[in-house]
């Protein structure tokens, strides 16, 4: 498997102001660019491709929404090099009004885990005061880890995805990276 998917942590950065849509840069702990994505503005159905660099010549991962503008849509994650379906992530729409919540699905749409905002009170407060960074816990198998942390910056959305507590590799890093990107893009739109 590609060395990109063997990292224990990633840093996802999205510039807030971009004329042609969002640009994502994903780095490792050393600051090395691992993945890049450029989304087109005004899309009704999300279709996100991740490339090895800004030339966008080698696609590694694709994240596709199943439905057009759906509050509880499911996003399928595909390995672009093998054509393999990695799994899916489904946003729990109504529950996410108060506290963001996602379900992690295997390739047969069976629930294998979840991603939840850390605290209901802070989640509500964050909806009013955008200065409070979001934090998410990942639950998969018998493992619960504080995997996703947003850093506050008014010009750049930055999420640290830390999977170092998943020493056994229970979560496929491709699915974990897709989750970090969706948290950055989808949940980032509510501010």
C-alpha atoms as a PDB file:
ATOM      1  CA  UNK A   1       0.000   0.000   0.000  1.00  0.00           C
ATOM      2  CA  UNK A   2       1.118   3.526  -0.751  1.00  0.00           C
ATOM      3  CA  UNK A   3       3.302   5.176   1.969  1.00  0.00           C
ATOM      4  CA  UNK A   4       0.785   8.036   2.127  1.00  0.00           C
ATOM      5  CA  UNK A   5      -1.716   5.742   3.864  1.00  0.00           C
ATOM      6  CA  UNK A   6       0.766   4.568   6.504  1.00  0.00           C
ATOM      7  CA  UNK A   7       1.057   7.929   8.285  1.00  0.00           C
ATOM      8  CA  UNK A   8      -0.073   8.231  11.905  1.00  0.00           C
ATOM      9  CA  UNK A   9      -1.190  11.843  11.485  1.00  0.00           C
ATOM     10  CA  UNK A  10      -2.108  14.300   8.774  1.00  0.00           C
ATOM     11  CA  UNK A  11      -2.714  18.036   8.579  1.00  0.00           C
ATOM     12  CA  UNK A  12      -5.517  19.170   6.255  1.00  0.00           C
ATOM     13  CA  UNK A  13      -5.453  22.841   5.246  1.00  0.00           C
ATOM     14  CA  UNK A  14      -8.112  24.653   3.237  1.00  0.00           C
ATOM     15  CA  UNK A  15      -7.783  28.285   2.275  1.00  0.00           C
ATOM     16  CA  UNK A  16     -11.037  30.099   2.991  1.00  0.00           C
ATOM     17  CA  UNK A  17     -10.780  32.600   0.140  1.00  0.00           C
ATOM     18  CA  UNK A  18     -10.338  31.058  -3.277  1.00  0.00           C
ATOM     19  CA  UNK A  19     -11.770  32.369  -6.545  1.00  0.00           C
ATOM     20  CA  UNK A  20     -12.268  29.020  -8.293  1.00  0.00           C
ATOM     21  CA  UNK A  21     -13.320  26.852  -5.353  1.00  0.00           C
ATOM     22  CA  UNK A  22     -11.589  25.247  -2.421  1.00  0.00           C
ATOM     23  CA  UNK A  23      -8.002  24.074  -2.451  1.00  0.00           C
ATOM     24  CA  UNK A  24      -6.935  21.421   0.023  1.00  0.00           C
ATOM     25  CA  UNK A  25      -3.348  20.637   0.963  1.00  0.00           C
ATOM     26  CA  UNK A  26      -2.677  17.565   3.120  1.00  0.00           C
ATOM     27  CA  UNK A  27       0.692  17.310   4.865  1.00  0.00           C
ATOM     28  CA  UNK A  28       2.470  14.841   7.135  1.00  0.00           C
ATOM     29  CA  UNK A  29       4.059  15.839  10.474  1.00  0.00           C
ATOM     30  CA  UNK A  30       7.250  16.901   8.674  1.00  0.00           C
ATOM     31  CA  UNK A  31       5.398  19.367   6.462  1.00  0.00           C
ATOM     32  CA  UNK A  32       5.744  17.227   3.324  1.00  0.00           C
ATOM     33  CA  UNK A  33       2.823  17.603   0.893  1.00  0.00           C
ATOM     34  CA  UNK A  34       1.099  14.213   0.635  1.00  0.00           C
ATOM     35  CA  UNK A  35      -2.163  15.033  -1.124  1.00  0.00           C
ATOM     36  CA  UNK A  36      -3.791  17.900  -2.981  1.00  0.00           C
ATOM     37  CA  UNK A  37      -7.322  18.640  -4.127  1.00  0.00           C
ATOM     38  CA  UNK A  38      -8.955  21.500  -5.945  1.00  0.00           C
ATOM     39  CA  UNK A  39     -12.745  21.611  -5.807  1.00  0.00           C
ATOM     40  CA  UNK A  40     -14.882  23.461  -8.281  1.00  0.00           C
ATOM     41  CA  UNK A  41     -17.193  26.110  -6.869  1.00  0.00           C
ATOM     42  CA  UNK A  42     -20.994  25.783  -6.969  1.00  0.00           C
ATOM     43  CA  UNK A  43     -21.286  22.020  -7.316  1.00  0.00           C
ATOM     44  CA  UNK A  44     -24.607  20.437  -6.389  1.00  0.00           C
ATOM     45  CA  UNK A  45     -23.089  17.001  -5.879  1.00  0.00           C
ATOM     46  CA  UNK A  46     -19.707  16.658  -4.175  1.00  0.00           C
ATOM     47  CA  UNK A  47     -17.064  14.778  -6.141  1.00  0.00           C
ATOM     48  CA  UNK A  48     -13.652  15.233  -4.552  1.00  0.00           C
ATOM     49  CA  UNK A  49     -10.444  13.873  -6.072  1.00  0.00           C
ATOM     50  CA  UNK A  50      -7.184  13.685  -4.137  1.00  0.00           C
ATOM     51  CA  UNK A  51      -3.920  13.836  -6.037  1.00  0.00           C
ATOM     52  CA  UNK A  52      -0.280  13.362  -5.097  1.00  0.00           C
ATOM     53  CA  UNK A  53       0.531  17.025  -5.839  1.00  0.00           C
ATOM     54  CA  UNK A  54      -0.655  20.263  -7.421  1.00  0.00           C
ATOM     55  CA  UNK A  55      -0.024  19.028 -10.968  1.00  0.00           C
ATOM     56  CA  UNK A  56      -3.052  16.740 -10.425  1.00  0.00           C
ATOM     57  CA  UNK A  57      -1.469  14.109 -12.688  1.00  0.00           C
ATOM     58  CA  UNK A  58      -1.882  11.129 -10.332  1.00  0.00           C
ATOM     59  CA  UNK A  59      -5.215  10.610  -8.583  1.00  0.00           C
ATOM     60  CA  UNK A  60      -5.117   8.443  -5.439  1.00  0.00           C
ATOM     61  CA  UNK A  61      -8.532   8.786  -3.815  1.00  0.00           C
ATOM     62  CA  UNK A  62     -12.043   9.875  -4.799  1.00  0.00           C
ATOM     63  CA  UNK A  63     -14.911  10.845  -2.509  1.00  0.00           C
ATOM     64  CA  UNK A  64     -18.352  10.980  -4.162  1.00  0.00           C
ATOM     65  CA  UNK A  65     -21.699  11.999  -2.694  1.00  0.00           C
ATOM     66  CA  UNK A  66     -24.494   9.578  -3.520  1.00  0.00           C
ATOM     67  CA  UNK A  67     -27.143  12.290  -3.712  1.00  0.00           C
ATOM     68  CA  UNK A  68     -27.499  15.887  -4.784  1.00  0.00           C
ATOM     69  CA  UNK A  69     -27.751  18.367  -1.876  1.00  0.00           C
ATOM     70  CA  UNK A  70     -28.817  15.973   0.865  1.00  0.00           C
ATOM     71  CA  UNK A  71     -28.521  16.890   4.536  1.00  0.00           C
ATOM     72  CA  UNK A  72     -27.800  13.246   5.447  1.00  0.00           C
ATOM     73  CA  UNK A  73     -25.972  12.119   2.351  1.00  0.00           C
ATOM     74  CA  UNK A  74     -23.551   9.229   2.153  1.00  0.00           C
ATOM     75  CA  UNK A  75     -20.105   9.770   0.678  1.00  0.00           C
ATOM     76  CA  UNK A  76     -18.473   6.772  -0.985  1.00  0.00           C
ATOM     77  CA  UNK A  77     -14.680   6.528  -0.862  1.00  0.00           C
ATOM     78  CA  UNK A  78     -12.770   4.884  -3.731  1.00  0.00           C
ATOM     79  CA  UNK A  79      -9.114   4.031  -4.205  1.00  0.00           C
ATOM     80  CA  UNK A  80      -8.473   5.546  -7.648  1.00  0.00           C
ATOM     81  CA  UNK A  81      -5.461   3.370  -8.396  1.00  0.00           C
ATOM     82  CA  UNK A  82      -7.107   0.007  -7.690  1.00  0.00           C
ATOM     83  CA  UNK A  83     -10.753   0.927  -8.347  1.00  0.00           C
ATOM     84  CA  UNK A  84     -11.556  -0.576  -4.943  1.00  0.00           C
ATOM     85  CA  UNK A  85     -14.385   0.800  -2.807  1.00  0.00           C
ATOM     86  CA  UNK A  86     -12.819   1.586   0.569  1.00  0.00           C
ATOM     87  CA  UNK A  87     -16.024   2.309   2.506  1.00  0.00           C
ATOM     88  CA  UNK A  88     -18.426   5.172   3.086  1.00  0.00           C
ATOM     89  CA  UNK A  89     -19.181   8.007   5.475  1.00  0.00           C
ATOM     90  CA  UNK A  90     -22.758   9.082   6.211  1.00  0.00           C
ATOM     91  CA  UNK A  91     -23.606  12.359   7.877  1.00  0.00           C
ATOM     92  CA  UNK A  92     -26.360  12.089  10.476  1.00  0.00           C
ATOM     93  CA  UNK A  93     -28.224  15.176   9.275  1.00  0.00           C
ATOM     94  CA  UNK A  94     -30.761  15.903  12.014  1.00  0.00           C
ATOM     95  CA  UNK A  95     -28.429  14.893  14.833  1.00  0.00           C
ATOM     96  CA  UNK A  96     -25.753  17.137  13.323  1.00  0.00           C
ATOM     97  CA  UNK A  97     -27.878  20.226  13.889  1.00  0.00           C
ATOM     98  CA  UNK A  98     -26.891  20.159  17.560  1.00  0.00           C
ATOM     99  CA  UNK A  99     -23.730  18.059  17.508  1.00  0.00           C
ATOM    100  CA  UNK A 100     -21.963  16.868  14.340  1.00  0.00           C
ATOM    101  CA  UNK A 101     -22.120  13.120  13.891  1.00  0.00           C
ATOM    102  CA  UNK A 102     -21.005  10.777  11.115  1.00  0.00           C
ATOM    103  CA  UNK A 103     -21.304   7.010  10.643  1.00  0.00           C
ATOM    104  CA  UNK A 104     -18.420   4.994   9.169  1.00  0.00           C
ATOM    105  CA  UNK A 105     -19.605   2.213   6.845  1.00  0.00           C
ATOM    106  CA  UNK A 106     -17.797  -0.761   5.352  1.00  0.00           C
ATOM    107  CA  UNK A 107     -18.019  -1.693   1.665  1.00  0.00           C
ATOM    108  CA  UNK A 108     -21.444  -3.312   2.245  1.00  0.00           C
ATOM    109  CA  UNK A 109     -22.914  -0.296   4.094  1.00  0.00           C
ATOM    110  CA  UNK A 110     -22.620  -1.981   7.499  1.00  0.00           C
ATOM    111  CA  UNK A 111     -21.865   0.431  10.338  1.00  0.00           C
ATOM    112  CA  UNK A 112     -18.336  -0.102  11.674  1.00  0.00           C
ATOM    113  CA  UNK A 113     -17.786   3.108  13.591  1.00  0.00           C
ATOM    114  CA  UNK A 114     -18.663   6.737  14.151  1.00  0.00           C
ATOM    115  CA  UNK A 115     -17.237  10.226  14.357  1.00  0.00           C
ATOM    116  CA  UNK A 116     -18.843  12.574  16.871  1.00  0.00           C
ATOM    117  CA  UNK A 117     -18.235  16.123  17.960  1.00  0.00           C
ATOM    118  CA  UNK A 118     -16.699  16.001  21.433  1.00  0.00           C
ATOM    119  CA  UNK A 119     -19.222  17.848  23.614  1.00  0.00           C
ATOM    120  CA  UNK A 120     -22.883  18.848  23.050  1.00  0.00           C
ATOM    121  CA  UNK A 121     -22.618  22.107  25.025  1.00  0.00           C
ATOM    122  CA  UNK A 122     -19.470  23.188  23.181  1.00  0.00           C
ATOM    123  CA  UNK A 123     -21.016  22.084  19.876  1.00  0.00           C
ATOM    124  CA  UNK A 124     -23.994  24.401  20.447  1.00  0.00           C
ATOM    125  CA  UNK A 125     -21.703  27.197  21.553  1.00  0.00           C
ATOM    126  CA  UNK A 126     -19.583  26.714  18.400  1.00  0.00           C
ATOM    127  CA  UNK A 127     -22.644  27.340  16.250  1.00  0.00           C
ATOM    128  CA  UNK A 128     -22.950  30.791  17.838  1.00  0.00           C
ATOM    129  CA  UNK A 129     -19.277  31.631  18.441  1.00  0.00           C
ATOM    130  CA  UNK A 130     -17.246  30.494  15.444  1.00  0.00           C
ATOM    131  CA  UNK A 131     -13.988  31.136  17.322  1.00  0.00           C
ATOM    132  CA  UNK A 132     -14.203  27.841  19.222  1.00  0.00           C
ATOM    133  CA  UNK A 133     -12.413  25.083  17.246  1.00  0.00           C
ATOM    134  CA  UNK A 134     -14.258  21.826  16.635  1.00  0.00           C
ATOM    135  CA  UNK A 135     -13.043  18.521  18.059  1.00  0.00           C
ATOM    136  CA  UNK A 136     -14.203  15.050  17.035  1.00  0.00           C
ATOM    137  CA  UNK A 137     -13.799  11.612  18.567  1.00  0.00           C
ATOM    138  CA  UNK A 138     -13.493   8.520  16.407  1.00  0.00           C
ATOM    139  CA  UNK A 139     -15.046   5.257  17.596  1.00  0.00           C
ATOM    140  CA  UNK A 140     -14.249   2.088  15.674  1.00  0.00           C
ATOM    141  CA  UNK A 141     -14.155  -1.454  17.003  1.00  0.00           C
ATOM    142  CA  UNK A 142     -13.320  -1.190  20.713  1.00  0.00           C
ATOM    143  CA  UNK A 143     -11.239   1.909  20.087  1.00  0.00           C
ATOM    144  CA  UNK A 144     -12.172   5.504  20.904  1.00  0.00           C
ATOM    145  CA  UNK A 145      -9.649   8.178  20.030  1.00  0.00           C
ATOM    146  CA  UNK A 146      -9.717  11.990  19.846  1.00  0.00           C
ATOM    147  CA  UNK A 147      -8.752  11.860  16.181  1.00  0.00           C
ATOM    148  CA  UNK A 148      -9.811  15.164  14.612  1.00  0.00           C
ATOM    149  CA  UNK A 149      -8.930  18.635  15.900  1.00  0.00           C
ATOM    150  CA  UNK A 150      -9.619  21.927  14.201  1.00  0.00           C
ATOM    151  CA  UNK A 151      -7.284  24.872  14.801  1.00  0.00           C
ATOM    152  CA  UNK A 152      -8.789  28.337  14.759  1.00  0.00           C
ATOM    153  CA  UNK A 153      -7.591  30.610  11.982  1.00  0.00           C
ATOM    154  CA  UNK A 154      -9.975  33.032  10.216  1.00  0.00           C
ATOM    155  CA  UNK A 155      -8.242  32.575   6.830  1.00  0.00           C
ATOM    156  CA  UNK A 156      -7.341  28.873   6.778  1.00  0.00           C
ATOM    157  CA  UNK A 157      -9.389  25.893   7.946  1.00  0.00           C
ATOM    158  CA  UNK A 158      -6.918  23.442   9.456  1.00  0.00           C
ATOM    159  CA  UNK A 159      -7.766  20.004  10.807  1.00  0.00           C
ATOM    160  CA  UNK A 160      -5.237  17.684  12.385  1.00  0.00           C
ATOM    161  CA  UNK A 161      -6.140  14.033  11.907  1.00  0.00           C
ATOM    162  CA  UNK A 162      -4.233  12.053  14.532  1.00  0.00           C
ATOM    163  CA  UNK A 163      -4.540   8.277  14.271  1.00  0.00           C
ATOM    164  CA  UNK A 164      -1.505   7.469  16.431  1.00  0.00           C
ATOM    165  CA  UNK A 165      -3.718   5.782  19.072  1.00  0.00           C
ATOM    166  CA  UNK A 166      -4.893   3.325  16.385  1.00  0.00           C
ATOM    167  CA  UNK A 167      -1.727   1.236  16.635  1.00  0.00           C
ATOM    168  CA  UNK A 168      -3.376  -1.865  15.133  1.00  0.00           C
ATOM    169  CA  UNK A 169      -4.548  -0.003  12.014  1.00  0.00           C
ATOM    170  CA  UNK A 170      -8.228  -0.746  12.662  1.00  0.00           C
ATOM    171  CA  UNK A 171      -9.287   2.266  10.565  1.00  0.00           C
ATOM    172  CA  UNK A 172      -8.213   2.230   6.930  1.00  0.00           C
ATOM    173  CA  UNK A 173      -6.240   5.485   6.608  1.00  0.00           C
ATOM    174  CA  UNK A 174      -7.889   6.203   3.253  1.00  0.00           C
ATOM    175  CA  UNK A 175     -11.270   6.256   5.009  1.00  0.00           C
ATOM    176  CA  UNK A 176      -9.803   8.311   7.859  1.00  0.00           C
ATOM    177  CA  UNK A 177      -8.398  10.841   5.413  1.00  0.00           C
ATOM    178  CA  UNK A 178     -11.752  11.063   3.614  1.00  0.00           C
ATOM    179  CA  UNK A 179     -13.389  11.759   6.997  1.00  0.00           C
ATOM    180  CA  UNK A 180     -10.927  14.563   7.755  1.00  0.00           C
ATOM    181  CA  UNK A 181     -11.590  16.144   4.365  1.00  0.00           C
ATOM    182  CA  UNK A 182     -15.362  15.948   4.765  1.00  0.00           C
ATOM    183  CA  UNK A 183     -15.130  17.457   8.245  1.00  0.00           C
ATOM    184  CA  UNK A 184     -13.106  20.289   6.742  1.00  0.00           C
ATOM    185  CA  UNK A 185     -15.435  20.851   3.775  1.00  0.00           C
ATOM    186  CA  UNK A 186     -18.933  19.896   4.905  1.00  0.00           C
ATOM    187  CA  UNK A 187     -18.856  20.865   8.560  1.00  0.00           C
ATOM    188  CA  UNK A 188     -16.747  23.883   7.722  1.00  0.00           C
ATOM    189  CA  UNK A 189     -19.626  25.314   5.641  1.00  0.00           C
ATOM    190  CA  UNK A 190     -21.871  25.817   8.659  1.00  0.00           C
ATOM    191  CA  UNK A 191     -19.831  28.677  10.157  1.00  0.00           C
END
